[in-house]
Amino acid sequence: MRELKRFAERELNLRPEQVQIFTPTPLTAATCMYYTGIDPVSGRKVYVSRGLGEKQRQKDVLTPRQRRAY
């Protein structure tokens, strides 16, 4: 996630304010990778975060929580 954040900031000049947590949808390569942990094209293992806490921590890397003024 840190590498993705650096890429987004340096190469794309983006600073995301919102990020959606991945939800698998049927019949897609991304879903295959999510459930098996294997890239269907190369056959190599890919890291998949599974727990909500871990997903939230990754999301927080890209979009740090900001103080809200009420």
C-alpha atoms as a PDB file:
ATOM      1  CA  MET A   1       0.000   0.000   0.000  1.00  0.00           C
ATOM      2  CA  ARG A   2       2.825   2.382   0.731  1.00  0.00           C
ATOM      3  CA  GLU A   3       4.291   1.684  -2.699  1.00  0.00           C
ATOM      4  CA  LEU A   4       0.883   2.278  -4.299  1.00  0.00           C
ATOM      5  CA  LYS A   5       0.541   5.539  -2.386  1.00  0.00           C
ATOM      6  CA  ARG A   6       3.975   6.726  -3.572  1.00  0.00           C
ATOM      7  CA  PHE A   7       3.094   5.781  -7.164  1.00  0.00           C
ATOM      8  CA  ALA A   8      -0.247   7.605  -7.002  1.00  0.00           C
ATOM      9  CA  GLU A   9       1.361  10.731  -5.583  1.00  0.00           C
ATOM     10  CA  ARG A  10       4.488  10.867  -7.775  1.00  0.00           C
ATOM     11  CA  GLU A  11       3.392   9.406 -11.087  1.00  0.00           C
ATOM     12  CA  LEU A  12      -0.321  10.206 -11.169  1.00  0.00           C
ATOM     13  CA  ASN A  13      -0.288  13.319  -8.977  1.00  0.00           C
ATOM     14  CA  LEU A  14      -3.234  11.915  -6.989  1.00  0.00           C
ATOM     15  CA  ARG A  15      -4.008  11.984  -3.296  1.00  0.00           C
ATOM     16  CA  PRO A  16      -7.074   9.782  -2.788  1.00  0.00           C
ATOM     17  CA  GLU A  17      -9.675  10.944  -0.314  1.00  0.00           C
ATOM     18  CA  GLN A  18     -11.708   7.736  -0.520  1.00  0.00           C
ATOM     19  CA  VAL A  19     -10.808   4.105  -1.206  1.00  0.00           C
ATOM     20  CA  GLN A  20     -13.246   1.224  -1.544  1.00  0.00           C
ATOM     21  CA  ILE A  21     -12.478  -2.079   0.165  1.00  0.00           C
ATOM     22  CA  PHE A  22     -12.445  -4.844  -2.485  1.00  0.00           C
ATOM     23  CA  THR A  23     -15.586  -6.943  -2.781  1.00  0.00           C
ATOM     24  CA  PRO A  24     -15.158 -10.063  -4.955  1.00  0.00           C
ATOM     25  CA  THR A  25     -17.569 -10.391  -7.872  1.00  0.00           C
ATOM     26  CA  PRO A  26     -18.165 -13.657  -9.715  1.00  0.00           C
ATOM     27  CA  LEU A  27     -16.335 -14.624 -12.907  1.00  0.00           C
ATOM     28  CA  THR A  28     -13.459 -12.140 -12.728  1.00  0.00           C
ATOM     29  CA  ALA A  29      -9.714 -12.708 -12.558  1.00  0.00           C
ATOM     30  CA  ALA A  30      -9.579 -10.522  -9.437  1.00  0.00           C
ATOM     31  CA  THR A  31     -12.058 -12.823  -7.690  1.00  0.00           C
ATOM     32  CA  CYS A  32     -10.035 -15.869  -8.702  1.00  0.00           C
ATOM     33  CA  MET A  33      -6.922 -14.259  -7.230  1.00  0.00           C
ATOM     34  CA  TYR A  34      -8.798 -13.270  -4.064  1.00  0.00           C
ATOM     35  CA  TYR A  35     -10.097 -16.762  -3.344  1.00  0.00           C
ATOM     36  CA  THR A  36      -7.075 -18.820  -4.440  1.00  0.00           C
ATOM     37  CA  GLY A  37      -4.190 -16.465  -3.672  1.00  0.00           C
ATOM     38  CA  ILE A  38      -2.731 -17.338  -7.092  1.00  0.00           C
ATOM     39  CA  ASP A  39      -2.364 -15.177 -10.196  1.00  0.00           C
ATOM     40  CA  PRO A  40      -4.271 -17.133 -12.887  1.00  0.00           C
ATOM     41  CA  VAL A  41      -2.001 -15.826 -15.662  1.00  0.00           C
ATOM     42  CA  SER A  42       1.432 -16.438 -14.147  1.00  0.00           C
ATOM     43  CA  GLY A  43       0.541 -19.106 -11.586  1.00  0.00           C
ATOM     44  CA  ARG A  44       2.489 -17.206  -8.920  1.00  0.00           C
ATOM     45  CA  LYS A  45       1.238 -16.650  -5.383  1.00  0.00           C
ATOM     46  CA  VAL A  46      -0.164 -13.207  -4.592  1.00  0.00           C
ATOM     47  CA  TYR A  47      -0.727 -11.691  -1.178  1.00  0.00           C
ATOM     48  CA  VAL A  48      -4.380 -11.319  -0.219  1.00  0.00           C
ATOM     49  CA  SER A  49      -5.491  -9.526   2.922  1.00  0.00           C
ATOM     50  CA  ARG A  50      -8.539 -11.239   4.344  1.00  0.00           C
ATOM     51  CA  GLY A  51      -9.556  -9.675   7.659  1.00  0.00           C
ATOM     52  CA  LEU A  52     -11.455  -6.410   7.937  1.00  0.00           C
ATOM     53  CA  GLY A  53      -8.895  -4.993  10.362  1.00  0.00           C
ATOM     54  CA  GLU A  54      -6.042  -5.598   7.945  1.00  0.00           C
ATOM     55  CA  LYS A  55      -8.035  -4.183   5.047  1.00  0.00           C
ATOM     56  CA  GLN A  56      -8.827  -1.079   7.102  1.00  0.00           C
ATOM     57  CA  ARG A  57      -5.135  -0.592   7.956  1.00  0.00           C
ATOM     58  CA  GLN A  58      -4.237  -0.806   4.267  1.00  0.00           C
ATOM     59  CA  LYS A  59      -6.989   1.671   3.431  1.00  0.00           C
ATOM     60  CA  ASP A  60      -5.670   4.030   6.114  1.00  0.00           C
ATOM     61  CA  VAL A  61      -2.230   4.039   4.458  1.00  0.00           C
ATOM     62  CA  LEU A  62      -3.753   5.486   1.282  1.00  0.00           C
ATOM     63  CA  THR A  63      -6.249   7.793   2.962  1.00  0.00           C
ATOM     64  CA  PRO A  64      -5.031   8.936   6.381  1.00  0.00           C
ATOM     65  CA  ARG A  65      -7.866   9.808   8.706  1.00  0.00           C
ATOM     66  CA  GLN A  66      -8.335  13.532   8.927  1.00  0.00           C
ATOM     67  CA  ARG A  67      -9.692  15.440  11.874  1.00  0.00           C
ATOM     68  CA  ARG A  68     -13.210  16.591  11.300  1.00  0.00           C
ATOM     69  CA  ALA A  69     -14.324  20.021  12.369  1.00  0.00           C
ATOM     70  CA  TYR A  70     -17.841  19.992  13.789  1.00  0.00           C
END
